[in-house]
ModelCIF file with pLDDT and N, C-alpha, C, O atoms, coordinates in Angstrom:
data_MODEL
#
_entry.id   MODEL 
#
_entity.id                         1 
_entity.type                       polymer 
_entity.pdbx_number_of_molecules   1 
#
_entity_poly.entity_id                      1 
_entity_poly.type                           'polypeptide(L)' 
_entity_poly.nstd_linkage                   no 
_entity_poly.nstd_monomer                   no 
_entity_poly.pdbx_seq_one_letter_code       GIMRCDVIAEGVVAAVKEVGLKVPLVVRLEG 
_entity_poly.pdbx_seq_one_letter_code_can   GIMRCDVIAEGVVAAVKEVGLKVPLVVRLEG 
_entity_poly.pdbx_strand_id                 A 
#
loop_
_entity_poly_seq.entity_id 
_entity_poly_seq.num 
_entity_poly_seq.mon_id 
_entity_poly_seq.hetero 
1 1  GLY n 
1 2  ILE n 
1 3  MET n 
1 4  ARG n 
1 5  CYS n 
1 6  ASP n 
1 7  VAL n 
1 8  ILE n 
1 9  ALA n 
1 10 GLU n 
1 11 GLY n 
1 12 VAL n 
1 13 VAL n 
1 14 ALA n 
1 15 ALA n 
1 16 VAL n 
1 17 LYS n 
1 18 GLU n 
1 19 VAL n 
1 20 GLY n 
1 21 LEU n 
1 22 LYS n 
1 23 VAL n 
1 24 PRO n 
1 25 LEU n 
1 26 VAL n 
1 27 VAL n 
1 28 ARG n 
1 29 LEU n 
1 30 GLU n 
1 31 GLY n 
#
_struct_asym.id          A 
_struct_asym.entity_id   1 
#
loop_
_ma_qa_metric.id 
_ma_qa_metric.mode 
_ma_qa_metric.name 
_ma_qa_metric.software_group_id 
_ma_qa_metric.type 
1 global pLDDT . pLDDT 
2 local  pLDDT . pLDDT 
#
_ma_qa_metric_global.metric_id      1 
_ma_qa_metric_global.metric_value   85.06 
_ma_qa_metric_global.model_id       1 
_ma_qa_metric_global.ordinal_id     1 
#
loop_
_ma_qa_metric_local.label_asym_id 
_ma_qa_metric_local.label_comp_id 
_ma_qa_metric_local.label_seq_id 
_ma_qa_metric_local.metric_id 
_ma_qa_metric_local.metric_value 
_ma_qa_metric_local.model_id 
_ma_qa_metric_local.ordinal_id 
A GLY 1  2 77.00 1 1  
A ILE 2  2 75.00 1 2  
A MET 3  2 77.00 1 3  
A ARG 4  2 84.00 1 4  
A CYS 5  2 86.00 1 5  
A ASP 6  2 88.00 1 6  
A VAL 7  2 86.00 1 7  
A ILE 8  2 82.00 1 8  
A ALA 9  2 85.00 1 9  
A GLU 10 2 87.00 1 10 
A GLY 11 2 83.00 1 11 
A VAL 12 2 83.00 1 12 
A VAL 13 2 86.00 1 13 
A ALA 14 2 85.00 1 14 
A ALA 15 2 82.00 1 15 
A VAL 16 2 84.00 1 16 
A LYS 17 2 84.00 1 17 
A GLU 18 2 83.00 1 18 
A VAL 19 2 80.00 1 19 
A GLY 20 2 82.00 1 20 
A LEU 21 2 83.00 1 21 
A LYS 22 2 87.00 1 22 
A VAL 23 2 92.00 1 23 
A PRO 24 2 93.00 1 24 
A LEU 25 2 91.00 1 25 
A VAL 26 2 92.00 1 26 
A VAL 27 2 89.00 1 27 
A ARG 28 2 90.00 1 28 
A LEU 29 2 87.00 1 29 
A GLU 30 2 88.00 1 30 
A GLY 31 2 86.00 1 31 
#
loop_
_atom_site.group_PDB 
_atom_site.id 
_atom_site.type_symbol 
_atom_site.label_atom_id 
_atom_site.label_alt_id 
_atom_site.label_comp_id 
_atom_site.label_asym_id 
_atom_site.label_entity_id 
_atom_site.label_seq_id 
_atom_site.pdbx_PDB_ins_code 
_atom_site.Cartn_x 
_atom_site.Cartn_y 
_atom_site.Cartn_z 
_atom_site.occupancy 
_atom_site.B_iso_or_equiv 
_atom_site.pdbx_formal_charge 
_atom_site.auth_seq_id 
_atom_site.auth_comp_id 
_atom_site.auth_asym_id 
_atom_site.auth_atom_id 
_atom_site.pdbx_PDB_model_num 
ATOM 1   N N  . GLY A 1 1  ? 11.993  -5.670  -1.015  1.00 77.00 ? 1  GLY A N  1 
ATOM 2   C CA . GLY A 1 1  ? 13.278  -5.541  -1.454  1.00 77.00 ? 1  GLY A CA 1 
ATOM 3   C C  . GLY A 1 1  ? 13.359  -6.248  -2.659  1.00 77.00 ? 1  GLY A C  1 
ATOM 4   O O  . GLY A 1 1  ? 13.273  -5.660  -3.737  1.00 77.00 ? 1  GLY A O  1 
ATOM 5   N N  . ILE A 1 2  ? 13.525  -7.537  -2.565  1.00 75.00 ? 2  ILE A N  1 
ATOM 6   C CA . ILE A 1 2  ? 13.577  -8.176  -3.926  1.00 75.00 ? 2  ILE A CA 1 
ATOM 7   C C  . ILE A 1 2  ? 12.087  -8.222  -4.584  1.00 75.00 ? 2  ILE A C  1 
ATOM 8   O O  . ILE A 1 2  ? 11.885  -8.236  -5.798  1.00 75.00 ? 2  ILE A O  1 
ATOM 9   N N  . MET A 1 3  ? 11.172  -8.242  -3.670  1.00 77.00 ? 3  MET A N  1 
ATOM 10  C CA . MET A 1 3  ? 9.677   -8.223  -4.182  1.00 77.00 ? 3  MET A CA 1 
ATOM 11  C C  . MET A 1 3  ? 9.355   -6.854  -4.358  1.00 77.00 ? 3  MET A C  1 
ATOM 12  O O  . MET A 1 3  ? 9.561   -6.048  -3.452  1.00 77.00 ? 3  MET A O  1 
ATOM 13  N N  . ARG A 1 4  ? 8.765   -6.454  -5.676  1.00 84.00 ? 4  ARG A N  1 
ATOM 14  C CA . ARG A 1 4  ? 8.488   -5.135  -6.000  1.00 84.00 ? 4  ARG A CA 1 
ATOM 15  C C  . ARG A 1 4  ? 6.791   -4.699  -5.680  1.00 84.00 ? 4  ARG A C  1 
ATOM 16  O O  . ARG A 1 4  ? 5.852   -5.418  -6.020  1.00 84.00 ? 4  ARG A O  1 
ATOM 17  N N  . CYS A 1 5  ? 6.657   -3.522  -5.039  1.00 86.00 ? 5  CYS A N  1 
ATOM 18  C CA . CYS A 1 5  ? 5.356   -2.973  -4.419  1.00 86.00 ? 5  CYS A CA 1 
ATOM 19  C C  . CYS A 1 5  ? 4.259   -3.271  -5.816  1.00 86.00 ? 5  CYS A C  1 
ATOM 20  O O  . CYS A 1 5  ? 3.194   -3.863  -5.639  1.00 86.00 ? 5  CYS A O  1 
ATOM 21  N N  . ASP A 1 6  ? 4.631   -2.842  -7.001  1.00 88.00 ? 6  ASP A N  1 
ATOM 22  C CA . ASP A 1 6  ? 3.755   -2.595  -7.885  1.00 88.00 ? 6  ASP A CA 1 
ATOM 23  C C  . ASP A 1 6  ? 3.263   -4.089  -8.373  1.00 88.00 ? 6  ASP A C  1 
ATOM 24  O O  . ASP A 1 6  ? 2.183   -4.245  -8.943  1.00 88.00 ? 6  ASP A O  1 
ATOM 25  N N  . VAL A 1 7  ? 4.144   -5.141  -8.098  1.00 86.00 ? 7  VAL A N  1 
ATOM 26  C CA . VAL A 1 7  ? 3.624   -6.443  -8.484  1.00 86.00 ? 7  VAL A CA 1 
ATOM 27  C C  . VAL A 1 7  ? 2.499   -7.063  -7.620  1.00 86.00 ? 7  VAL A C  1 
ATOM 28  O O  . VAL A 1 7  ? 1.525   -7.711  -8.002  1.00 86.00 ? 7  VAL A O  1 
ATOM 29  N N  . ILE A 1 8  ? 2.871   -6.706  -6.338  1.00 82.00 ? 8  ILE A N  1 
ATOM 30  C CA . ILE A 1 8  ? 1.679   -6.928  -5.152  1.00 82.00 ? 8  ILE A CA 1 
ATOM 31  C C  . ILE A 1 8  ? 0.466   -6.332  -5.563  1.00 82.00 ? 8  ILE A C  1 
ATOM 32  O O  . ILE A 1 8  ? -0.533  -7.022  -5.764  1.00 82.00 ? 8  ILE A O  1 
ATOM 33  N N  . ALA A 1 9  ? 0.473   -4.765  -5.742  1.00 85.00 ? 9  ALA A N  1 
ATOM 34  C CA . ALA A 1 9  ? -0.510  -4.115  -6.103  1.00 85.00 ? 9  ALA A CA 1 
ATOM 35  C C  . ALA A 1 9  ? -1.426  -4.763  -7.207  1.00 85.00 ? 9  ALA A C  1 
ATOM 36  O O  . ALA A 1 9  ? -2.602  -5.056  -6.994  1.00 85.00 ? 9  ALA A O  1 
ATOM 37  N N  . GLU A 1 10 ? -0.832  -4.945  -8.310  1.00 87.00 ? 10 GLU A N  1 
ATOM 38  C CA . GLU A 1 10 ? -1.330  -5.700  -9.666  1.00 87.00 ? 10 GLU A CA 1 
ATOM 39  C C  . GLU A 1 10 ? -2.102  -6.880  -9.066  1.00 87.00 ? 10 GLU A C  1 
ATOM 40  O O  . GLU A 1 10 ? -3.282  -7.056  -9.368  1.00 87.00 ? 10 GLU A O  1 
ATOM 41  N N  . GLY A 1 11 ? -1.511  -7.618  -8.295  1.00 83.00 ? 11 GLY A N  1 
ATOM 42  C CA . GLY A 1 11 ? -1.982  -9.215  -8.078  1.00 83.00 ? 11 GLY A CA 1 
ATOM 43  C C  . GLY A 1 11 ? -3.408  -8.924  -7.058  1.00 83.00 ? 11 GLY A C  1 
ATOM 44  O O  . GLY A 1 11 ? -4.491  -9.479  -7.242  1.00 83.00 ? 11 GLY A O  1 
ATOM 45  N N  . VAL A 1 12 ? -3.126  -7.973  -6.014  1.00 83.00 ? 12 VAL A N  1 
ATOM 46  C CA . VAL A 1 12 ? -4.400  -7.597  -5.286  1.00 83.00 ? 12 VAL A CA 1 
ATOM 47  C C  . VAL A 1 12 ? -5.680  -7.220  -6.208  1.00 83.00 ? 12 VAL A C  1 
ATOM 48  O O  . VAL A 1 12 ? -6.736  -7.834  -6.361  1.00 83.00 ? 12 VAL A O  1 
ATOM 49  N N  . VAL A 1 13 ? -5.269  -6.112  -6.718  1.00 86.00 ? 13 VAL A N  1 
ATOM 50  C CA . VAL A 1 13 ? -6.115  -5.539  -7.814  1.00 86.00 ? 13 VAL A CA 1 
ATOM 51  C C  . VAL A 1 13 ? -7.038  -6.563  -8.572  1.00 86.00 ? 13 VAL A C  1 
ATOM 52  O O  . VAL A 1 13 ? -8.267  -6.627  -8.594  1.00 86.00 ? 13 VAL A O  1 
ATOM 53  N N  . ALA A 1 14 ? -6.081  -7.350  -9.192  1.00 85.00 ? 14 ALA A N  1 
ATOM 54  C CA . ALA A 1 14 ? -6.687  -8.384  -10.063 1.00 85.00 ? 14 ALA A CA 1 
ATOM 55  C C  . ALA A 1 14 ? -7.593  -9.484  -9.438  1.00 85.00 ? 14 ALA A C  1 
ATOM 56  O O  . ALA A 1 14 ? -8.572  -10.006 -9.970  1.00 85.00 ? 14 ALA A O  1 
ATOM 57  N N  . ALA A 1 15 ? -7.086  -9.731  -8.229  1.00 82.00 ? 15 ALA A N  1 
ATOM 58  C CA . ALA A 1 15 ? -7.756  -10.889 -7.436  1.00 82.00 ? 15 ALA A CA 1 
ATOM 59  C C  . ALA A 1 15 ? -9.147  -10.160 -6.848  1.00 82.00 ? 15 ALA A C  1 
ATOM 60  O O  . ALA A 1 15 ? -10.202 -10.792 -6.896  1.00 82.00 ? 15 ALA A O  1 
ATOM 61  N N  . VAL A 1 16 ? -9.116  -9.061  -6.395  1.00 84.00 ? 16 VAL A N  1 
ATOM 62  C CA . VAL A 1 16 ? -10.517 -8.237  -5.779  1.00 84.00 ? 16 VAL A CA 1 
ATOM 63  C C  . VAL A 1 16 ? -11.314 -8.001  -7.036  1.00 84.00 ? 16 VAL A C  1 
ATOM 64  O O  . VAL A 1 16 ? -12.517 -7.845  -6.827  1.00 84.00 ? 16 VAL A O  1 
ATOM 65  N N  . LYS A 1 17 ? -10.897 -7.935  -8.378  1.00 84.00 ? 17 LYS A N  1 
ATOM 66  C CA . LYS A 1 17 ? -12.021 -7.785  -9.437  1.00 84.00 ? 17 LYS A CA 1 
ATOM 67  C C  . LYS A 1 17 ? -12.490 -9.166  -9.711  1.00 84.00 ? 17 LYS A C  1 
ATOM 68  O O  . LYS A 1 17 ? -13.646 -9.334  -10.098 1.00 84.00 ? 17 LYS A O  1 
ATOM 69  N N  . GLU A 1 18 ? -11.697 -10.150 -9.542  1.00 83.00 ? 18 GLU A N  1 
ATOM 70  C CA . GLU A 1 18 ? -12.134 -11.592 -10.004 1.00 83.00 ? 18 GLU A CA 1 
ATOM 71  C C  . GLU A 1 18 ? -13.045 -12.105 -8.694  1.00 83.00 ? 18 GLU A C  1 
ATOM 72  O O  . GLU A 1 18 ? -14.092 -12.711 -8.926  1.00 83.00 ? 18 GLU A O  1 
ATOM 73  N N  . VAL A 1 19 ? -12.700 -11.895 -7.551  1.00 80.00 ? 19 VAL A N  1 
ATOM 74  C CA . VAL A 1 19 ? -13.776 -12.845 -6.424  1.00 80.00 ? 19 VAL A CA 1 
ATOM 75  C C  . VAL A 1 19 ? -14.340 -11.749 -5.788  1.00 80.00 ? 19 VAL A C  1 
ATOM 76  O O  . VAL A 1 19 ? -15.263 -12.095 -5.051  1.00 80.00 ? 19 VAL A O  1 
ATOM 77  N N  . GLY A 1 20 ? -14.085 -10.316 -5.803  1.00 82.00 ? 20 GLY A N  1 
ATOM 78  C CA . GLY A 1 20 ? -14.808 -9.156  -5.151  1.00 82.00 ? 20 GLY A CA 1 
ATOM 79  C C  . GLY A 1 20 ? -14.369 -9.068  -3.793  1.00 82.00 ? 20 GLY A C  1 
ATOM 80  O O  . GLY A 1 20 ? -13.846 -10.060 -3.286  1.00 82.00 ? 20 GLY A O  1 
ATOM 81  N N  . LEU A 1 21 ? -14.505 -8.069  -3.170  1.00 83.00 ? 21 LEU A N  1 
ATOM 82  C CA . LEU A 1 21 ? -14.186 -7.806  -1.791  1.00 83.00 ? 21 LEU A CA 1 
ATOM 83  C C  . LEU A 1 21 ? -15.133 -7.472  -0.735  1.00 83.00 ? 21 LEU A C  1 
ATOM 84  O O  . LEU A 1 21 ? -15.533 -6.314  -0.609  1.00 83.00 ? 21 LEU A O  1 
ATOM 85  N N  . LYS A 1 22 ? -15.539 -8.473  0.077   1.00 87.00 ? 22 LYS A N  1 
ATOM 86  C CA . LYS A 1 22 ? -16.529 -8.253  1.079   1.00 87.00 ? 22 LYS A CA 1 
ATOM 87  C C  . LYS A 1 22 ? -16.005 -8.012  2.558   1.00 87.00 ? 22 LYS A C  1 
ATOM 88  O O  . LYS A 1 22 ? -16.783 -7.942  3.510   1.00 87.00 ? 22 LYS A O  1 
ATOM 89  N N  . VAL A 1 23 ? -14.802 -7.907  2.665   1.00 92.00 ? 23 VAL A N  1 
ATOM 90  C CA . VAL A 1 23 ? -14.421 -7.707  3.933   1.00 92.00 ? 23 VAL A CA 1 
ATOM 91  C C  . VAL A 1 23 ? -13.207 -6.440  4.103   1.00 92.00 ? 23 VAL A C  1 
ATOM 92  O O  . VAL A 1 23 ? -12.471 -6.271  3.131   1.00 92.00 ? 23 VAL A O  1 
ATOM 93  N N  . PRO A 1 24 ? -13.044 -5.732  5.092   1.00 93.00 ? 24 PRO A N  1 
ATOM 94  C CA . PRO A 1 24 ? -12.060 -4.534  5.029   1.00 93.00 ? 24 PRO A CA 1 
ATOM 95  C C  . PRO A 1 24 ? -10.746 -4.996  4.493   1.00 93.00 ? 24 PRO A C  1 
ATOM 96  O O  . PRO A 1 24 ? -10.301 -6.132  4.660   1.00 93.00 ? 24 PRO A O  1 
ATOM 97  N N  . LEU A 1 25 ? -10.164 -4.047  3.845   1.00 91.00 ? 25 LEU A N  1 
ATOM 98  C CA . LEU A 1 25 ? -8.788  -4.424  3.307   1.00 91.00 ? 25 LEU A CA 1 
ATOM 99  C C  . LEU A 1 25 ? -7.819  -3.284  3.603   1.00 91.00 ? 25 LEU A C  1 
ATOM 100 O O  . LEU A 1 25 ? -8.074  -2.214  3.050   1.00 91.00 ? 25 LEU A O  1 
ATOM 101 N N  . VAL A 1 26 ? -6.672  -3.354  4.444   1.00 92.00 ? 26 VAL A N  1 
ATOM 102 C CA . VAL A 1 26 ? -5.820  -2.479  4.644   1.00 92.00 ? 26 VAL A CA 1 
ATOM 103 C C  . VAL A 1 26 ? -4.498  -3.072  4.183   1.00 92.00 ? 26 VAL A C  1 
ATOM 104 O O  . VAL A 1 26 ? -4.072  -4.208  4.396   1.00 92.00 ? 26 VAL A O  1 
ATOM 105 N N  . VAL A 1 27 ? -3.899  -2.013  3.468   1.00 89.00 ? 27 VAL A N  1 
ATOM 106 C CA . VAL A 1 27 ? -2.591  -2.104  2.600   1.00 89.00 ? 27 VAL A CA 1 
ATOM 107 C C  . VAL A 1 27 ? -1.552  -1.313  3.042   1.00 89.00 ? 27 VAL A C  1 
ATOM 108 O O  . VAL A 1 27 ? -1.707  -0.096  3.147   1.00 89.00 ? 27 VAL A O  1 
ATOM 109 N N  . ARG A 1 28 ? -0.357  -1.937  3.355   1.00 90.00 ? 28 ARG A N  1 
ATOM 110 C CA . ARG A 1 28 ? 0.796   -1.356  3.693   1.00 90.00 ? 28 ARG A CA 1 
ATOM 111 C C  . ARG A 1 28 ? 1.915   -1.726  2.795   1.00 90.00 ? 28 ARG A C  1 
ATOM 112 O O  . ARG A 1 28 ? 2.413   -2.852  2.759   1.00 90.00 ? 28 ARG A O  1 
ATOM 113 N N  . LEU A 1 29 ? 2.292   -0.692  2.058   1.00 87.00 ? 29 LEU A N  1 
ATOM 114 C CA . LEU A 1 29 ? 3.286   -0.838  1.183   1.00 87.00 ? 29 LEU A CA 1 
ATOM 115 C C  . LEU A 1 29 ? 4.679   -0.119  1.418   1.00 87.00 ? 29 LEU A C  1 
ATOM 116 O O  . LEU A 1 29 ? 4.571   1.064   1.743   1.00 87.00 ? 29 LEU A O  1 
ATOM 117 N N  . GLU A 1 30 ? 5.745   -0.531  1.331   1.00 88.00 ? 30 GLU A N  1 
ATOM 118 C CA . GLU A 1 30 ? 7.074   0.181   1.414   1.00 88.00 ? 30 GLU A CA 1 
ATOM 119 C C  . GLU A 1 30 ? 8.285   -0.687  0.575   1.00 88.00 ? 30 GLU A C  1 
ATOM 120 O O  . GLU A 1 30 ? 8.336   -1.906  0.410   1.00 88.00 ? 30 GLU A O  1 
ATOM 121 N N  . GLY A 1 31 ? 9.142   0.250   0.150   1.00 86.00 ? 31 GLY A N  1 
ATOM 122 C CA . GLY A 1 31 ? 10.297  -0.342  -0.446  1.00 86.00 ? 31 GLY A CA 1 
ATOM 123 C C  . GLY A 1 31 ? 10.238  -0.207  -2.012  1.00 86.00 ? 31 GLY A C  1 
ATOM 124 O O  . GLY A 1 31 ? 11.150  -0.659  -2.705  1.00 86.00 ? 31 GLY A O  1 
#
């Protein structure tokens, strides 16, 4: 609503690239 989905997506991508992803990740975006 106030929070934009693209900002969340950019943050998740940046974090995964920095620390790696070793467990399953499910993403649900709406709004």
